[in-house]
Amino acid sequence: MTKTDTPDSFPEPMIDRVQALEKEKQASQEELELLRLQYEELKSRLLESTMINNNNLKEIQRLQQENAHLRRTPLFIASVIEIGDGGMVILRQHGNNQEVLTKPSEEILQKLTLGTRVAVNNSLAIVKILEKPADVRARVMEVIEAPNVDYADVGGLDKEIQEVVETVELPLTQPELFASVGIEPPKGVLLYGPPGTGKTLLAKAVANKANATFIRMSGSELVHKFIGEGAQLVRDLFQMARDKAPSIIFIDELDAVGSRRTHDGTTGSAEVNRTMMQLLSELDGFTDRGNVRIMAATNRIDMLDPAILRPGRFDRIIEVPVPDEKGRDAIFKIHTRKMTMDADVDMAEIVKETEGASGADIKSIVTEAGMFAIRRRSRSVSKDDFEKAIEKVLHKEEPAEAPRSNLYA
């Protein structure tokens, strides 16, 4: 073929061969691209399978650990009550108060002191020392590091607030005032009065103003059926307060643990008396309380043991009564300050209609009035809403006694 030859001058078989090769090349390229896509897909699936496999391995490991944990023999909690000669230690188990004698290792023995909480196994051998000295049962307490209640949220108790400020807040915030005069600050404050009058709210407001930790506990939670548990919980309560000082301990329902002592011969009565004796010991301050103030509340001051009420334990006894007309007006203003009301709502008239209502009752009335407005799909509370709320909260009828035939239906 010369330089002047054209494709048309090639033999036809050669041209067919070239075209066939071009088609084969095209097919090979398409097949190669398909294989590349399949490779990428398989690679992606392999990566996904590897991740799933790794997750499955982690889940298997977690389940194995959980299974091992569930099969592990539980430990029991005990306290050291005596360390004897020869490395022998007497322990008292929590719950059943059973006393046992055991001999710990030399390493553990050197770290033990009276009252140390330890974990023991089924053989009652000490396995480890628990770090926290305060009993875990103290977690039933309500602990608020910084209560968000202010004196402005407590209505109708101006006189009571002033007394609490003098006896609780000032000793925490300005102790130098008492030192300059040469007197000891009051040790405790007892608030008494009907339910719902703001005793707990007042204690929280003082804790907020004094920038103190608020530790609340019900007196009924201090009463336990096992010997020594109530007294131990009282010690835990005051120890936690010392650890979180400055702090305010607020014991609600004090009459549950501080009622007049009885001696009817029952274990329960003896345990309540034992708990109260521990409480009196803490109030007397045999152990320095530091920046810890004590407040308590009761609805039945007449039931309290005279030993609780004597000076030196609760130096200030303050009545928190049902609010008068001026107090009710102040409480209504607190709870309705964010409420949208119709023009016909006369708060002065509502205040007069709620004579005898406590602060908690007034809060419920405002809430119920708002609920009646919501029920009407209204954004504003009307006079009629307040009337219905007062009727519901203050004049509610006692539920009729169910027929005896329905008691076990």
Protein backbone atom coordinates (compact mmCIF):
# COMPACT_ATOMS: atom_id res chain seq x y z
CA MET A 1 0.00 0.00 0.00
CA THR A 2 1.33 3.38 -1.00
CA LYS A 3 1.00 6.72 0.75
CA THR A 4 -1.90 7.57 -1.49
CA ASP A 5 -3.87 4.49 -0.44
CA THR A 6 -7.21 5.23 1.33
CA PRO A 7 -9.27 2.98 3.63
CA ASP A 8 -11.46 2.25 0.67
CA SER A 9 -8.46 0.75 -1.09
CA PHE A 10 -7.95 -1.85 1.73
CA PRO A 11 -9.20 -5.27 1.07
CA GLU A 12 -12.68 -5.81 2.42
CA PRO A 13 -11.67 -8.74 4.65
CA MET A 14 -9.09 -6.54 6.36
CA ILE A 15 -11.65 -3.81 6.98
CA ASP A 16 -14.06 -6.34 8.48
CA ARG A 17 -11.29 -7.62 10.69
CA VAL A 18 -10.47 -4.13 11.97
CA GLN A 19 -14.12 -3.42 12.69
CA ALA A 20 -14.44 -6.72 14.52
CA LEU A 21 -11.41 -5.86 16.62
CA GLU A 22 -12.90 -2.44 17.42
CA LYS A 23 -16.11 -4.09 18.58
CA GLU A 24 -14.15 -6.55 20.71
CA LYS A 25 -12.21 -3.66 22.21
CA GLN A 26 -15.44 -1.80 22.97
CA ALA A 27 -16.95 -4.92 24.51
CA SER A 28 -13.81 -5.52 26.57
CA GLN A 29 -13.89 -1.93 27.86
CA GLU A 30 -17.56 -2.25 28.80
CA GLU A 31 -16.86 -5.57 30.51
CA LEU A 32 -13.90 -4.02 32.32
CA GLU A 33 -16.10 -1.12 33.53
CA LEU A 34 -18.73 -3.59 34.68
CA LEU A 35 -16.10 -5.59 36.56
CA ARG A 36 -14.81 -2.38 38.13
CA LEU A 37 -18.31 -1.47 39.33
CA GLN A 38 -18.80 -4.98 40.67
CA TYR A 39 -15.46 -4.73 42.45
CA GLU A 40 -16.45 -1.42 44.06
CA GLU A 41 -19.78 -2.89 45.13
CA LEU A 42 -18.11 -5.97 46.61
CA LYS A 43 -15.56 -3.76 48.32
CA SER A 44 -18.37 -1.67 49.85
CA ARG A 45 -20.22 -4.80 50.96
CA LEU A 46 -17.04 -6.18 52.49
CA LEU A 47 -16.50 -2.95 54.42
CA GLU A 48 -20.11 -2.98 55.60
CA SER A 49 -19.83 -6.64 56.61
CA THR A 50 -16.62 -5.89 58.50
CA MET A 51 -18.33 -3.09 60.42
CA ILE A 52 -21.33 -5.31 61.20
CA ASN A 53 -18.97 -8.06 62.31
CA ASN A 54 -17.08 -5.65 64.58
CA ASN A 55 -20.36 -4.45 66.08
CA ASN A 56 -21.45 -8.04 66.62
CA LEU A 57 -18.14 -8.81 68.32
CA LYS A 58 -18.59 -5.80 70.61
CA GLU A 59 -22.16 -6.87 71.41
CA ILE A 60 -20.97 -10.42 72.15
CA GLN A 61 -18.27 -9.02 74.43
CA ARG A 62 -20.83 -6.80 76.20
CA LEU A 63 -23.22 -9.71 76.68
CA GLN A 64 -20.39 -11.88 78.01
CA GLN A 65 -19.44 -9.17 80.51
CA GLU A 66 -23.09 -8.70 81.50
CA ASN A 67 -23.51 -12.45 81.88
CA ALA A 68 -20.38 -12.63 84.04
CA HIS A 69 -21.67 -9.71 86.12
CA LEU A 70 -25.08 -11.35 86.62
CA ARG A 71 -23.45 -14.62 87.65
CA ARG A 72 -21.13 -12.88 90.11
CA THR A 73 -21.82 -13.53 93.78
CA PRO A 74 -23.32 -10.41 95.41
CA LEU A 75 -21.51 -8.60 98.20
CA PHE A 76 -23.04 -7.42 101.45
CA ILE A 77 -22.47 -4.15 103.29
CA ALA A 78 -21.31 -4.08 106.89
CA SER A 79 -19.76 -1.61 109.32
CA VAL A 80 -16.80 -2.06 111.63
CA ILE A 81 -17.94 -1.80 115.26
CA GLU A 82 -14.83 -3.12 117.03
CA ILE A 83 -11.20 -3.89 116.18
CA GLY A 84 -9.76 -6.47 118.55
CA ASP A 85 -6.37 -7.99 119.26
CA GLY A 86 -4.76 -10.37 116.82
CA GLY A 87 -6.26 -8.63 113.81
CA MET A 88 -9.82 -9.77 114.55
CA VAL A 89 -12.62 -7.40 113.57
CA ILE A 90 -16.28 -7.37 114.61
CA LEU A 91 -18.66 -6.32 111.83
CA ARG A 92 -22.36 -5.48 111.90
CA GLN A 93 -24.26 -6.21 108.72
CA HIS A 94 -26.68 -3.60 107.43
CA GLY A 95 -30.29 -4.64 107.31
CA ASN A 96 -30.34 -7.55 109.74
CA ASN A 97 -27.84 -6.06 112.26
CA GLN A 98 -26.15 -9.46 112.64
CA GLU A 99 -22.70 -9.19 114.23
CA VAL A 100 -19.87 -11.35 112.89
CA LEU A 101 -16.21 -11.86 113.73
CA THR A 102 -13.72 -11.98 110.87
CA LYS A 103 -10.00 -11.60 110.24
CA PRO A 104 -9.14 -9.38 107.26
CA SER A 105 -5.83 -9.25 105.44
CA GLU A 106 -3.07 -7.12 106.93
CA GLU A 107 -3.41 -4.59 104.09
CA ILE A 108 -7.14 -4.08 104.72
CA LEU A 109 -6.74 -4.14 108.52
CA GLN A 110 -4.41 -1.12 108.44
CA LYS A 111 -7.10 0.95 106.69
CA LEU A 112 -9.98 0.06 109.01
CA THR A 113 -11.37 2.38 111.67
CA LEU A 114 -14.52 2.23 113.78
CA GLY A 115 -17.55 2.91 111.60
CA THR A 116 -15.79 2.08 108.31
CA ARG A 117 -18.22 0.64 105.76
CA VAL A 118 -16.94 -2.50 104.04
CA ALA A 119 -18.16 -5.02 101.48
CA VAL A 120 -18.16 -8.68 102.54
CA ASN A 121 -18.79 -11.87 100.56
CA ASN A 122 -20.88 -14.92 101.45
CA SER A 123 -18.10 -16.11 103.75
CA LEU A 124 -18.29 -12.71 105.51
CA ALA A 125 -14.69 -11.98 104.57
CA ILE A 126 -13.92 -8.33 103.84
CA VAL A 127 -13.46 -7.89 100.10
CA LYS A 128 -12.99 -4.13 99.91
CA ILE A 129 -13.42 -0.89 101.82
CA LEU A 130 -16.18 1.41 100.62
CA GLU A 131 -14.86 4.89 100.00
CA LYS A 132 -17.81 7.04 101.03
CA PRO A 133 -18.33 7.22 104.78
CA ALA A 134 -21.90 8.43 104.38
CA ASP A 135 -24.47 5.66 104.04
CA VAL A 136 -25.99 5.25 100.58
CA ARG A 137 -29.39 5.39 102.25
CA ALA A 138 -28.79 9.11 102.64
CA ARG A 139 -29.61 9.38 98.94
CA VAL A 140 -33.30 9.31 99.85
CA MET A 141 -32.78 12.91 100.94
CA GLU A 142 -33.72 15.76 98.65
CA VAL A 143 -30.49 17.67 98.02
CA ILE A 144 -30.70 20.96 96.13
CA GLU A 145 -27.37 22.70 95.63
CA ALA A 146 -28.99 26.07 94.83
CA PRO A 147 -32.77 26.38 95.38
CA ASN A 148 -34.42 28.72 92.88
CA VAL A 149 -36.91 30.10 95.41
CA ASP A 150 -36.63 33.70 96.59
CA TYR A 151 -38.32 35.62 99.39
CA ALA A 152 -40.41 37.30 96.68
CA ASP A 153 -41.98 33.88 96.02
CA VAL A 154 -43.16 33.62 99.64
CA GLY A 155 -46.24 35.77 100.15
CA GLY A 156 -47.92 36.87 103.36
CA LEU A 157 -45.09 35.85 105.71
CA ASP A 158 -43.13 39.08 106.15
CA LYS A 159 -42.80 38.73 109.93
CA GLU A 160 -41.87 35.05 109.70
CA ILE A 161 -39.30 35.77 106.97
CA GLN A 162 -37.64 38.38 109.16
CA GLU A 163 -37.31 35.93 112.06
CA VAL A 164 -35.86 33.22 109.82
CA VAL A 165 -33.40 35.69 108.29
CA GLU A 166 -32.12 36.58 111.76
CA THR A 167 -31.77 33.01 112.97
CA VAL A 168 -30.67 31.11 109.85
CA GLU A 169 -29.44 33.42 107.09
CA LEU A 170 -27.33 35.87 109.10
CA PRO A 171 -25.32 33.17 110.96
CA LEU A 172 -24.30 31.78 107.55
CA THR A 173 -23.70 35.03 105.68
CA GLN A 174 -22.54 37.41 108.44
CA PRO A 175 -21.30 35.38 111.42
CA GLU A 176 -19.11 38.32 112.46
CA LEU A 177 -22.25 40.16 113.66
CA PHE A 178 -22.80 37.58 116.38
CA ALA A 179 -19.10 37.47 117.25
CA SER A 180 -18.98 41.25 117.65
CA VAL A 181 -21.93 41.20 120.06
CA GLY A 182 -20.50 38.18 121.87
CA ILE A 183 -23.41 35.75 121.49
CA GLU A 184 -23.84 32.34 119.92
CA PRO A 185 -26.19 32.27 116.91
CA PRO A 186 -29.42 30.29 117.36
CA LYS A 187 -28.93 26.59 116.72
CA GLY A 188 -32.24 25.72 115.12
CA VAL A 189 -35.60 26.98 113.95
CA LEU A 190 -38.88 25.10 114.22
CA LEU A 191 -41.72 26.13 111.91
CA TYR A 192 -45.20 24.97 112.86
CA GLY A 193 -48.63 25.52 111.39
CA PRO A 194 -51.31 23.97 109.17
CA PRO A 195 -50.34 22.13 105.97
CA GLY A 196 -49.68 24.20 102.85
CA THR A 197 -48.79 27.47 104.58
CA GLY A 198 -45.29 27.75 103.07
CA LYS A 199 -42.95 26.19 105.62
CA THR A 200 -40.86 24.27 103.08
CA LEU A 201 -40.95 27.19 100.63
CA LEU A 202 -39.62 29.51 103.33
CA ALA A 203 -36.75 27.12 104.12
CA LYS A 204 -35.78 26.92 100.43
CA ALA A 205 -35.83 30.71 100.12
CA VAL A 206 -33.45 31.05 103.07
CA ALA A 207 -31.08 28.48 101.55
CA ASN A 208 -31.11 30.39 98.27
CA LYS A 209 -30.42 33.73 99.94
CA ALA A 210 -27.63 32.27 102.06
CA ASN A 211 -26.15 30.49 99.02
CA ALA A 212 -26.35 27.22 100.95
CA THR A 213 -27.11 23.63 99.99
CA PHE A 214 -30.68 22.68 100.91
CA ILE A 215 -31.05 19.15 102.33
CA ARG A 216 -34.63 18.11 102.95
CA MET A 217 -35.78 14.93 104.62
CA SER A 218 -39.12 13.77 105.92
CA GLY A 219 -39.26 12.64 109.53
CA SER A 220 -41.16 9.53 108.46
CA GLU A 221 -38.13 8.48 106.37
CA LEU A 222 -36.03 8.42 109.53
CA VAL A 223 -38.23 5.73 111.07
CA HIS A 224 -37.01 2.23 110.17
CA LYS A 225 -38.03 -1.19 111.36
CA PHE A 226 -34.48 -2.51 111.81
CA ILE A 227 -32.58 -1.68 114.97
CA GLY A 228 -30.11 1.15 114.56
CA GLU A 229 -31.02 2.11 110.98
CA GLY A 230 -32.88 5.31 111.91
CA ALA A 231 -30.05 6.52 114.14
CA GLN A 232 -27.51 5.71 111.43
CA LEU A 233 -29.55 7.68 108.90
CA VAL A 234 -29.59 10.69 111.24
CA ARG A 235 -25.79 10.53 111.44
CA ASP A 236 -25.61 10.27 107.64
CA LEU A 237 -27.89 13.29 107.29
CA PHE A 238 -25.71 15.53 109.43
CA GLN A 239 -22.49 14.17 107.91
CA MET A 240 -23.73 14.99 104.41
CA ALA A 241 -24.64 18.48 105.60
CA ARG A 242 -21.11 18.99 106.95
CA ASP A 243 -19.62 17.75 103.68
CA LYS A 244 -21.75 20.20 101.68
CA ALA A 245 -21.45 23.17 104.07
CA PRO A 246 -22.66 25.84 104.10
CA SER A 247 -25.92 23.96 104.22
CA ILE A 248 -29.40 23.98 105.72
CA ILE A 249 -30.99 20.76 106.99
CA PHE A 250 -34.77 20.84 106.76
CA ILE A 251 -36.59 18.02 108.57
CA ASP A 252 -40.24 17.94 107.52
CA GLU A 253 -42.89 16.10 109.56
CA LEU A 254 -40.72 16.29 112.67
CA ASP A 255 -43.56 14.82 114.73
CA ALA A 256 -43.00 11.45 112.98
CA VAL A 257 -39.69 11.02 114.79
CA GLY A 258 -39.88 13.61 117.58
CA SER A 259 -43.23 12.79 119.17
CA ARG A 260 -43.57 12.16 122.90
CA ARG A 261 -41.61 9.09 123.90
CA THR A 262 -43.57 5.98 124.73
CA HIS A 263 -42.48 2.70 126.27
CA ASP A 264 -45.01 0.14 125.10
CA GLY A 265 -42.39 -2.60 124.92
CA THR A 266 -42.46 -2.97 121.14
CA THR A 267 -39.35 -2.94 118.96
CA GLY A 268 -40.83 -0.20 116.75
CA SER A 269 -41.37 2.14 119.69
CA ALA A 270 -37.83 1.52 120.96
CA GLU A 271 -36.40 2.20 117.50
CA VAL A 272 -38.26 5.53 117.19
CA ASN A 273 -36.97 6.53 120.63
CA ARG A 274 -33.43 5.51 119.65
CA THR A 275 -33.66 7.59 116.47
CA MET A 276 -34.90 10.61 118.41
CA MET A 277 -32.06 10.28 120.94
CA GLN A 278 -29.56 10.37 118.06
CA LEU A 279 -31.34 13.44 116.66
CA LEU A 280 -31.15 15.16 120.06
CA SER A 281 -27.45 14.31 120.22
CA GLU A 282 -26.84 15.94 116.84
CA LEU A 283 -28.91 18.99 117.81
CA ASP A 284 -26.90 19.38 121.01
CA GLY A 285 -23.81 19.63 118.82
CA PHE A 286 -21.46 17.16 120.50
CA THR A 287 -19.84 17.08 117.05
CA ASP A 288 -19.11 20.52 115.62
CA ARG A 289 -21.66 21.29 112.90
CA GLY A 290 -19.76 24.21 111.41
CA ASN A 291 -21.76 26.12 108.80
CA VAL A 292 -24.80 23.89 109.13
CA ARG A 293 -28.16 25.34 110.17
CA ILE A 294 -31.13 23.25 111.29
CA MET A 295 -34.74 23.91 110.34
CA ALA A 296 -37.73 21.67 110.99
CA ALA A 297 -41.45 21.79 110.36
CA THR A 298 -44.49 20.15 111.89
CA ASN A 299 -48.26 20.36 111.63
CA ARG A 300 -48.69 19.00 115.18
CA ILE A 301 -46.47 20.87 117.63
CA ASP A 302 -48.63 19.51 120.46
CA MET A 303 -47.33 16.00 119.75
CA LEU A 304 -43.62 16.87 120.03
CA ASP A 305 -41.55 15.65 122.94
CA PRO A 306 -40.64 18.48 125.38
CA ALA A 307 -36.97 17.51 125.01
CA ILE A 308 -37.10 18.60 121.35
CA LEU A 309 -38.59 21.99 122.23
CA ARG A 310 -36.24 23.02 125.00
CA PRO A 311 -33.86 25.97 124.37
CA GLY A 312 -30.52 24.99 122.89
CA ARG A 313 -32.04 22.68 120.29
CA PHE A 314 -34.66 24.78 118.54
CA ASP A 315 -33.98 28.26 119.86
CA ARG A 316 -36.64 29.89 117.72
CA ILE A 317 -40.14 28.44 117.35
CA ILE A 318 -42.08 30.27 114.65
CA GLU A 319 -45.76 29.84 113.83
CA VAL A 320 -46.59 29.88 110.11
CA PRO A 321 -50.34 30.53 110.14
CA VAL A 322 -52.99 30.46 107.44
CA PRO A 323 -52.60 33.80 105.61
CA ASP A 324 -54.88 36.71 106.46
CA GLU A 325 -56.52 38.89 103.81
CA LYS A 326 -53.34 40.87 103.18
CA GLY A 327 -51.31 37.68 102.95
CA ARG A 328 -53.79 36.06 100.55
CA ASP A 329 -53.63 39.13 98.34
CA ALA A 330 -49.82 38.90 98.23
CA ILE A 331 -49.93 35.18 97.40
CA PHE A 332 -52.49 35.70 94.62
CA LYS A 333 -50.26 38.40 93.12
CA ILE A 334 -47.30 35.99 93.12
CA HIS A 335 -49.18 33.20 91.33
CA THR A 336 -51.07 35.43 88.85
CA ARG A 337 -48.18 37.70 87.83
CA LYS A 338 -47.79 35.87 84.50
CA MET A 339 -51.50 35.20 83.99
CA THR A 340 -53.69 36.96 81.42
CA MET A 341 -57.05 37.86 83.01
CA ASP A 342 -60.28 39.42 81.78
CA ALA A 343 -61.11 42.97 82.83
CA ASP A 344 -64.02 41.75 84.99
CA VAL A 345 -61.74 39.81 87.35
CA ASP A 346 -61.81 41.56 90.74
CA MET A 347 -58.89 40.18 92.77
CA ALA A 348 -60.02 41.98 95.93
CA GLU A 349 -63.33 40.12 95.79
CA ILE A 350 -61.59 36.80 95.12
CA VAL A 351 -59.28 37.40 98.10
CA LYS A 352 -62.32 37.87 100.36
CA GLU A 353 -63.98 34.73 99.02
CA THR A 354 -60.93 32.60 99.87
CA GLU A 355 -60.87 33.24 103.62
CA GLY A 356 -59.22 30.32 105.39
CA ALA A 357 -57.31 29.18 102.30
CA SER A 358 -53.65 28.27 102.68
CA GLY A 359 -50.89 29.25 100.29
CA ALA A 360 -51.09 25.81 98.68
CA ASP A 361 -54.86 26.21 98.26
CA ILE A 362 -54.38 29.58 96.55
CA LYS A 363 -51.83 28.12 94.14
CA SER A 364 -54.29 25.33 93.31
CA ILE A 365 -57.09 27.86 92.75
CA VAL A 366 -54.98 29.83 90.27
CA THR A 367 -53.93 26.65 88.47
CA GLU A 368 -57.52 25.36 88.27
CA ALA A 369 -58.76 28.73 86.99
CA GLY A 370 -56.18 28.52 84.22
CA MET A 371 -57.30 24.96 83.42
CA PHE A 372 -60.93 26.10 83.12
CA ALA A 373 -59.80 28.80 80.66
CA ILE A 374 -57.86 26.24 78.62
CA ARG A 375 -60.94 24.02 78.59
CA ARG A 376 -62.85 26.90 76.97
CA ARG A 377 -59.98 27.31 74.46
CA SER A 378 -59.48 30.82 75.84
CA ARG A 379 -56.17 32.61 76.33
CA SER A 380 -57.56 34.74 79.17
CA VAL A 381 -58.92 33.72 82.59
CA SER A 382 -62.37 35.03 83.46
CA LYS A 383 -64.11 35.78 86.73
CA ASP A 384 -66.28 32.70 86.23
CA ASP A 385 -63.13 30.55 85.91
CA PHE A 386 -61.96 31.75 89.33
CA GLU A 387 -65.40 31.13 90.85
CA LYS A 388 -65.40 27.55 89.56
CA ALA A 389 -61.83 27.04 90.78
CA ILE A 390 -62.68 28.30 94.28
CA GLU A 391 -65.69 26.00 94.39
CA LYS A 392 -63.58 23.04 93.28
CA VAL A 393 -60.63 23.61 95.63
CA LEU A 394 -62.23 24.99 98.79
CA HIS A 395 -65.74 23.54 98.70
CA LYS A 396 -65.10 20.14 97.21
CA GLU A 397 -67.37 17.42 98.52
CA GLU A 398 -65.98 14.35 100.18
CA PRO A 399 -66.43 11.31 97.93
CA ALA A 400 -69.39 9.18 98.93
CA GLU A 401 -68.52 5.92 100.62
CA ALA A 402 -68.55 3.08 98.14
CA PRO A 403 -71.01 0.26 98.78
CA ARG A 404 -69.39 -2.64 100.57
CA SER A 405 -70.40 -4.92 97.72
CA ASN A 406 -68.02 -2.97 95.45
CA LEU A 407 -64.99 -3.06 97.74
CA TYR A 408 -63.64 -6.27 96.27
CA ALA A 409 -65.08 -6.00 92.76
